[in-house]
Amino acid sequence: MMQLQIHPNHQNKGYGRGVIEQVIKTAKLKPIKLTVLKNNPAKALYTRLGFKITGEDNYEYHMQTQPINNSRLKT
């Protein structure tokens, strides 16, 4: 996946969370890496889903999730 954007009319309805959870499930034991703009509220979602900041530049946080027990995810 190159980029995920949810139209403002459809944000905060769980669509982004659903997509990211499916990516985590599909990745199984592989870590997932992403970048998020520093002012993007989606960072809070990524943190709740287990992503940790591994670095940053002037504009973005670099985040990664470690393999997690998929039972943490909604089914």
PDB file of N, CA and C in Angstrom:
ATOM      1  N   MET A   1       0.851  -1.162   0.000  1.00  0.00           N
ATOM      2  CA  MET A   1       0.000   0.000   0.000  1.00  0.00           C
ATOM      3  C   MET A   1       0.898   1.225   0.000  1.00  0.00           C
ATOM      4  N   MET A   2       0.587   2.145  -0.845  1.00  0.00           N
ATOM      5  CA  MET A   2       1.403   3.346  -0.941  1.00  0.00           C
ATOM      6  C   MET A   2       0.875   4.457  -0.038  1.00  0.00           C
ATOM      7  N   GLN A   3      -0.454   4.615   0.002  1.00  0.00           N
ATOM      8  CA  GLN A   3      -1.020   5.713   0.774  1.00  0.00           C
ATOM      9  C   GLN A   3      -2.466   5.376   1.128  1.00  0.00           C
ATOM     10  N   LEU A   4      -2.880   5.799   2.309  1.00  0.00           N
ATOM     11  CA  LEU A   4      -4.263   5.608   2.732  1.00  0.00           C
ATOM     12  C   LEU A   4      -4.833   6.969   3.104  1.00  0.00           C
ATOM     13  N   GLN A   5      -5.906   7.328   2.434  1.00  0.00           N
ATOM     14  CA  GLN A   5      -6.604   8.566   2.759  1.00  0.00           C
ATOM     15  C   GLN A   5      -8.093   8.252   2.838  1.00  0.00           C
ATOM     16  N   ILE A   6      -8.725   8.739   3.883  1.00  0.00           N
ATOM     17  CA  ILE A   6     -10.165   8.585   4.047  1.00  0.00           C
ATOM     18  C   ILE A   6     -10.790   9.963   3.865  1.00  0.00           C
ATOM     19  N   HIS A   7     -11.765  10.053   2.987  1.00  0.00           N
ATOM     20  CA  HIS A   7     -12.439  11.324   2.734  1.00  0.00           C
ATOM     21  C   HIS A   7     -12.974  11.880   4.058  1.00  0.00           C
ATOM     22  N   PRO A   8     -12.838  13.184   4.274  1.00  0.00           N
ATOM     23  CA  PRO A   8     -13.288  13.776   5.537  1.00  0.00           C
ATOM     24  C   PRO A   8     -14.726  13.422   5.921  1.00  0.00           C
ATOM     25  N   ASN A   9     -15.603  13.253   4.947  1.00  0.00           N
ATOM     26  CA  ASN A   9     -16.994  12.891   5.249  1.00  0.00           C
ATOM     27  C   ASN A   9     -17.121  11.488   5.841  1.00  0.00           C
ATOM     28  N   HIS A  10     -16.071  10.686   5.706  1.00  0.00           N
ATOM     29  CA  HIS A  10     -16.128   9.297   6.164  1.00  0.00           C
ATOM     30  C   HIS A  10     -15.108   8.994   7.250  1.00  0.00           C
ATOM     31  N   GLN A  11     -14.435  10.005   7.762  1.00  0.00           N
ATOM     32  CA  GLN A  11     -13.464   9.795   8.830  1.00  0.00           C
ATOM     33  C   GLN A  11     -14.183   9.547  10.155  1.00  0.00           C
ATOM     34  N   ASN A  12     -13.470   8.913  11.074  1.00  0.00           N
ATOM     35  CA  ASN A  12     -13.991   8.604  12.411  1.00  0.00           C
ATOM     36  C   ASN A  12     -15.172   7.645  12.382  1.00  0.00           C
ATOM     37  N   LYS A  13     -15.194   6.784  11.362  1.00  0.00           N
ATOM     38  CA  LYS A  13     -16.240   5.761  11.257  1.00  0.00           C
ATOM     39  C   LYS A  13     -15.644   4.356  11.293  1.00  0.00           C
ATOM     40  N   GLY A  14     -14.325   4.278  11.486  1.00  0.00           N
ATOM     41  CA  GLY A  14     -13.686   2.970  11.592  1.00  0.00           C
ATOM     42  C   GLY A  14     -13.134   2.410  10.297  1.00  0.00           C
ATOM     43  N   TYR A  15     -13.271   3.132   9.191  1.00  0.00           N
ATOM     44  CA  TYR A  15     -12.788   2.608   7.911  1.00  0.00           C
ATOM     45  C   TYR A  15     -11.263   2.488   7.889  1.00  0.00           C
ATOM     46  N   GLY A  16     -10.578   3.527   8.320  1.00  0.00           N
ATOM     47  CA  GLY A  16      -9.114   3.485   8.347  1.00  0.00           C
ATOM     48  C   GLY A  16      -8.609   2.401   9.280  1.00  0.00           C
ATOM     49  N   ARG A  17      -9.217   2.313  10.454  1.00  0.00           N
ATOM     50  CA  ARG A  17      -8.840   1.277  11.417  1.00  0.00           C
ATOM     51  C   ARG A  17      -9.019  -0.111  10.795  1.00  0.00           C
ATOM     52  N   GLY A  18     -10.140  -0.318  10.124  1.00  0.00           N
ATOM     53  CA  GLY A  18     -10.404  -1.612   9.487  1.00  0.00           C
ATOM     54  C   GLY A  18      -9.349  -1.980   8.460  1.00  0.00           C
ATOM     55  N   VAL A  19      -8.956  -1.014   7.654  1.00  0.00           N
ATOM     56  CA  VAL A  19      -7.938  -1.271   6.636  1.00  0.00           C
ATOM     57  C   VAL A  19      -6.608  -1.619   7.296  1.00  0.00           C
ATOM     58  N   ILE A  20      -6.186  -0.817   8.273  1.00  0.00           N
ATOM     59  CA  ILE A  20      -4.899  -1.059   8.935  1.00  0.00           C
ATOM     60  C   ILE A  20      -4.924  -2.392   9.679  1.00  0.00           C
ATOM     61  N   GLU A  21      -6.026  -2.725  10.336  1.00  0.00           N
ATOM     62  CA  GLU A  21      -6.117  -4.019  11.022  1.00  0.00           C
ATOM     63  C   GLU A  21      -5.986  -5.174  10.041  1.00  0.00           C
ATOM     64  N   GLN A  22      -6.591  -5.036   8.868  1.00  0.00           N
ATOM     65  CA  GLN A  22      -6.483  -6.096   7.855  1.00  0.00           C
ATOM     66  C   GLN A  22      -5.043  -6.232   7.369  1.00  0.00           C
ATOM     67  N   VAL A  23      -4.344  -5.115   7.190  1.00  0.00           N
ATOM     68  CA  VAL A  23      -2.940  -5.158   6.799  1.00  0.00           C
ATOM     69  C   VAL A  23      -2.118  -5.878   7.866  1.00  0.00           C
ATOM     70  N   ILE A  24      -2.373  -5.564   9.136  1.00  0.00           N
ATOM     71  CA  ILE A  24      -1.644  -6.216  10.228  1.00  0.00           C
ATOM     72  C   ILE A  24      -1.911  -7.718  10.222  1.00  0.00           C
ATOM     73  N   LYS A  25      -3.170  -8.109  10.068  1.00  0.00           N
ATOM     74  CA  LYS A  25      -3.504  -9.535  10.035  1.00  0.00           C
ATOM     75  C   LYS A  25      -2.821 -10.233   8.866  1.00  0.00           C
ATOM     76  N   THR A  26      -2.832  -9.597   7.711  1.00  0.00           N
ATOM     77  CA  THR A  26      -2.239 -10.185   6.515  1.00  0.00           C
ATOM     78  C   THR A  26      -0.728 -10.307   6.649  1.00  0.00           C
ATOM     79  N   ALA A  27      -0.107  -9.342   7.305  1.00  0.00           N
ATOM     80  CA  ALA A  27       1.352  -9.354   7.456  1.00  0.00           C
ATOM     81  C   ALA A  27       1.818 -10.449   8.402  1.00  0.00           C
ATOM     82  N   LYS A  28       0.920 -10.946   9.235  1.00  0.00           N
ATOM     83  CA  LYS A  28       1.215 -11.987  10.219  1.00  0.00           C
ATOM     84  C   LYS A  28       2.386 -11.587  11.094  1.00  0.00           C
ATOM     85  N   LEU A  29       3.523 -12.208  10.946  1.00  0.00           N
ATOM     86  CA  LEU A  29       4.653 -11.952  11.836  1.00  0.00           C
ATOM     87  C   LEU A  29       5.627 -10.911  11.306  1.00  0.00           C
ATOM     88  N   LYS A  30       5.308 -10.298  10.180  1.00  0.00           N
ATOM     89  CA  LYS A  30       6.204  -9.293   9.609  1.00  0.00           C
ATOM     90  C   LYS A  30       5.891  -7.915  10.183  1.00  0.00           C
ATOM     91  N   PRO A  31       6.924  -7.138  10.499  1.00  0.00           N
ATOM     92  CA  PRO A  31       6.654  -5.767  10.955  1.00  0.00           C
ATOM     93  C   PRO A  31       6.141  -4.900   9.809  1.00  0.00           C
ATOM     94  N   ILE A  32       5.359  -3.916  10.141  1.00  0.00           N
ATOM     95  CA  ILE A  32       4.812  -2.985   9.161  1.00  0.00           C
ATOM     96  C   ILE A  32       5.419  -1.620   9.440  1.00  0.00           C
ATOM     97  N   LYS A  33       5.901  -0.969   8.395  1.00  0.00           N
ATOM     98  CA  LYS A  33       6.499   0.361   8.521  1.00  0.00           C
ATOM     99  C   LYS A  33       5.619   1.368   7.794  1.00  0.00           C
ATOM    100  N   LEU A  34       5.560   2.584   8.343  1.00  0.00           N
ATOM    101  CA  LEU A  34       4.823   3.654   7.686  1.00  0.00           C
ATOM    102  C   LEU A  34       5.402   4.992   8.094  1.00  0.00           C
ATOM    103  N   THR A  35       5.011   6.005   7.367  1.00  0.00           N
ATOM    104  CA  THR A  35       5.331   7.377   7.755  1.00  0.00           C
ATOM    105  C   THR A  35       4.008   8.135   7.851  1.00  0.00           C
ATOM    106  N   VAL A  36       3.976   9.104   8.746  1.00  0.00           N
ATOM    107  CA  VAL A  36       2.780   9.927   8.926  1.00  0.00           C
ATOM    108  C   VAL A  36       3.238  11.357   9.183  1.00  0.00           C
ATOM    109  N   LEU A  37       2.573  12.297   8.547  1.00  0.00           N
ATOM    110  CA  LEU A  37       2.907  13.697   8.774  1.00  0.00           C
ATOM    111  C   LEU A  37       2.741  14.035  10.254  1.00  0.00           C
ATOM    112  N   LYS A  38       3.616  14.871  10.751  1.00  0.00           N
ATOM    113  CA  LYS A  38       3.618  15.190  12.181  1.00  0.00           C
ATOM    114  C   LYS A  38       2.303  15.801  12.655  1.00  0.00           C
ATOM    115  N   ASN A  39       1.605  16.515  11.797  1.00  0.00           N
ATOM    116  CA  ASN A  39       0.346  17.145  12.212  1.00  0.00           C
ATOM    117  C   ASN A  39      -0.886  16.321  11.855  1.00  0.00           C
ATOM    118  N   ASN A  40      -0.693  15.072  11.421  1.00  0.00           N
ATOM    119  CA  ASN A  40      -1.800  14.228  11.000  1.00  0.00           C
ATOM    120  C   ASN A  40      -2.422  13.530  12.209  1.00  0.00           C
ATOM    121  N   PRO A  41      -3.718  13.720  12.452  1.00  0.00           N
ATOM    122  CA  PRO A  41      -4.361  13.065  13.597  1.00  0.00           C
ATOM    123  C   PRO A  41      -4.363  11.538  13.496  1.00  0.00           C
ATOM    124  N   ALA A  42      -4.097  10.977  12.323  1.00  0.00           N
ATOM    125  CA  ALA A  42      -4.044   9.517  12.176  1.00  0.00           C
ATOM    126  C   ALA A  42      -2.925   8.902  13.007  1.00  0.00           C
ATOM    127  N   LYS A  43      -1.952   9.704  13.420  1.00  0.00           N
ATOM    128  CA  LYS A  43      -0.870   9.183  14.262  1.00  0.00           C
ATOM    129  C   LYS A  43      -1.437   8.534  15.523  1.00  0.00           C
ATOM    130  N   ALA A  44      -2.472   9.113  16.091  1.00  0.00           N
ATOM    131  CA  ALA A  44      -3.088   8.547  17.298  1.00  0.00           C
ATOM    132  C   ALA A  44      -3.664   7.158  17.013  1.00  0.00           C
ATOM    133  N   LEU A  45      -4.269   6.980  15.852  1.00  0.00           N
ATOM    134  CA  LEU A  45      -4.784   5.670  15.460  1.00  0.00           C
ATOM    135  C   LEU A  45      -3.651   4.665  15.359  1.00  0.00           C
ATOM    136  N   TYR A  46      -2.581   5.043  14.678  1.00  0.00           N
ATOM    137  CA  TYR A  46      -1.454   4.127  14.511  1.00  0.00           C
ATOM    138  C   TYR A  46      -0.862   3.736  15.866  1.00  0.00           C
ATOM    139  N   THR A  47      -0.789   4.690  16.771  1.00  0.00           N
ATOM    140  CA  THR A  47      -0.271   4.395  18.113  1.00  0.00           C
ATOM    141  C   THR A  47      -1.185   3.405  18.827  1.00  0.00           C
ATOM    142  N   ARG A  48      -2.488   3.617  18.743  1.00  0.00           N
ATOM    143  CA  ARG A  48      -3.438   2.690  19.379  1.00  0.00           C
ATOM    144  C   ARG A  48      -3.327   1.285  18.799  1.00  0.00           C
ATOM    145  N   LEU A  49      -2.951   1.186  17.534  1.00  0.00           N
ATOM    146  CA  LEU A  49      -2.828  -0.115  16.881  1.00  0.00           C
ATOM    147  C   LEU A  49      -1.456  -0.757  17.087  1.00  0.00           C
ATOM    148  N   GLY A  50      -0.613  -0.126  17.883  1.00  0.00           N
ATOM    149  CA  GLY A  50       0.656  -0.751  18.242  1.00  0.00           C
ATOM    150  C   GLY A  50       1.886  -0.236  17.527  1.00  0.00           C
ATOM    151  N   PHE A  51       1.741   0.773  16.694  1.00  0.00           N
ATOM    152  CA  PHE A  51       2.898   1.338  16.018  1.00  0.00           C
ATOM    153  C   PHE A  51       3.704   2.189  16.992  1.00  0.00           C
ATOM    154  N   LYS A  52       5.012   2.142  16.859  1.00  0.00           N
ATOM    155  CA  LYS A  52       5.926   2.944  17.674  1.00  0.00           C
ATOM    156  C   LYS A  52       6.742   3.834  16.749  1.00  0.00           C
ATOM    157  N   ILE A  53       7.094   5.019  17.216  1.00  0.00           N
ATOM    158  CA  ILE A  53       7.956   5.916  16.441  1.00  0.00           C
ATOM    159  C   ILE A  53       9.365   5.354  16.462  1.00  0.00           C
ATOM    160  N   THR A  54       9.928   5.189  15.274  1.00  0.00           N
ATOM    161  CA  THR A  54      11.292   4.667  15.150  1.00  0.00           C
ATOM    162  C   THR A  54      12.255   5.727  14.625  1.00  0.00           C
ATOM    163  N   GLY A  55      11.732   6.863  14.208  1.00  0.00           N
ATOM    164  CA  GLY A  55      12.562   7.950  13.690  1.00  0.00           C
ATOM    165  C   GLY A  55      11.657   9.082  13.235  1.00  0.00           C
ATOM    166  N   GLU A  56      12.283  10.150  12.797  1.00  0.00           N
ATOM    167  CA  GLU A  56      11.520  11.286  12.283  1.00  0.00           C
ATOM    168  C   GLU A  56      12.415  12.154  11.427  1.00  0.00           C
ATOM    169  N   ASP A  57      11.773  12.962  10.589  1.00  0.00           N
ATOM    170  CA  ASP A  57      12.488  13.990   9.848  1.00  0.00           C
ATOM    171  C   ASP A  57      11.754  15.306  10.105  1.00  0.00           C
ATOM    172  N   ASN A  58      11.980  16.293   9.304  1.00  0.00           N
ATOM    173  CA  ASN A  58      11.349  17.597   9.556  1.00  0.00           C
ATOM    174  C   ASN A  58       9.831  17.565   9.480  1.00  0.00           C
ATOM    175  N   TYR A  59       9.277  16.628   8.702  1.00  0.00           N
ATOM    176  CA  TYR A  59       7.849  16.647   8.422  1.00  0.00           C
ATOM    177  C   TYR A  59       7.086  15.411   8.877  1.00  0.00           C
ATOM    178  N   GLU A  60       7.780  14.286   9.017  1.00  0.00           N
ATOM    179  CA  GLU A  60       7.097  13.027   9.256  1.00  0.00           C
ATOM    180  C   GLU A  60       7.690  12.250  10.421  1.00  0.00           C
ATOM    181  N   TYR A  61       6.822  11.431  11.038  1.00  0.00           N
ATOM    182  CA  TYR A  61       7.278  10.409  11.957  1.00  0.00           C
ATOM    183  C   TYR A  61       7.386   9.109  11.170  1.00  0.00           C
ATOM    184  N   HIS A  62       8.411   8.345  11.457  1.00  0.00           N
ATOM    185  CA  HIS A  62       8.579   7.016  10.889  1.00  0.00           C
ATOM    186  C   HIS A  62       8.135   6.059  11.978  1.00  0.00           C
ATOM    187  N   MET A  63       7.194   5.189  11.647  1.00  0.00           N
ATOM    188  CA  MET A  63       6.618   4.310  12.650  1.00  0.00           C
ATOM    189  C   MET A  63       6.691   2.862  12.188  1.00  0.00           C
ATOM    190  N   GLN A  64       6.672   1.972  13.152  1.00  0.00           N
ATOM    191  CA  GLN A  64       6.733   0.548  12.838  1.00  0.00           C
ATOM    192  C   GLN A  64       5.995  -0.220  13.918  1.00  0.00           C
ATOM    193  N   THR A  65       5.364  -1.292  13.519  1.00  0.00           N
ATOM    194  CA  THR A  65       4.752  -2.181  14.488  1.00  0.00           C
ATOM    195  C   THR A  65       5.553  -3.469  14.537  1.00  0.00           C
ATOM    196  N   GLN A  66       5.678  -3.997  15.713  1.00  0.00           N
ATOM    197  CA  GLN A  66       6.285  -5.303  15.880  1.00  0.00           C
ATOM    198  C   GLN A  66       5.188  -6.332  15.663  1.00  0.00           C
ATOM    199  N   PRO A  67       5.548  -7.536  15.288  1.00  0.00           N
ATOM    200  CA  PRO A  67       4.515  -8.566  15.155  1.00  0.00           C
ATOM    201  C   PRO A  67       3.735  -8.661  16.476  1.00  0.00           C
ATOM    202  N   ILE A  68       2.420  -8.693  16.356  1.00  0.00           N
ATOM    203  CA  ILE A  68       1.594  -8.749  17.560  1.00  0.00           C
ATOM    204  C   ILE A  68       0.670  -9.945  17.486  1.00  0.00           C
ATOM    205  N   ASN A  69       0.121 -10.272  18.610  1.00  0.00           N
ATOM    206  CA  ASN A  69      -0.868 -11.318  18.684  1.00  0.00           C
ATOM    207  C   ASN A  69      -2.134 -10.802  18.011  1.00  0.00           C
ATOM    208  N   ASN A  70      -2.567 -11.425  16.924  1.00  0.00           N
ATOM    209  CA  ASN A  70      -3.712 -10.943  16.173  1.00  0.00           C
ATOM    210  C   ASN A  70      -4.997 -10.976  16.979  1.00  0.00           C
ATOM    211  N   SER A  71      -5.017 -11.634  18.138  1.00  0.00           N
ATOM    212  CA  SER A  71      -6.228 -11.647  18.950  1.00  0.00           C
ATOM    213  C   SER A  71      -6.535 -10.268  19.525  1.00  0.00           C
ATOM    214  N   ARG A  72      -5.545  -9.333  19.504  1.00  0.00           N
ATOM    215  CA  ARG A  72      -5.778  -7.955  19.950  1.00  0.00           C
ATOM    216  C   ARG A  72      -6.688  -7.208  19.003  1.00  0.00           C
ATOM    217  N   LEU A  73      -6.765  -7.680  17.775  1.00  0.00           N
ATOM    218  CA  LEU A  73      -7.527  -6.970  16.756  1.00  0.00           C
ATOM    219  C   LEU A  73      -8.994  -7.385  16.800  1.00  0.00           C
ATOM    220  N   LYS A  74      -9.849  -6.458  16.415  1.00  0.00           N
ATOM    221  CA  LYS A  74     -11.284  -6.781  16.319  1.00  0.00           C
ATOM    222  C   LYS A  74     -11.469  -7.808  15.222  1.00  0.00           C
ATOM    223  N   THR A  75     -12.434  -8.653  15.407  1.00  0.00           N
ATOM    224  CA  THR A  75     -12.756  -9.653  14.375  1.00  0.00           C
ATOM    225  C   THR A  75     -14.063  -9.329  13.707  1.00  0.00           C
TER     226      THR A  75
END
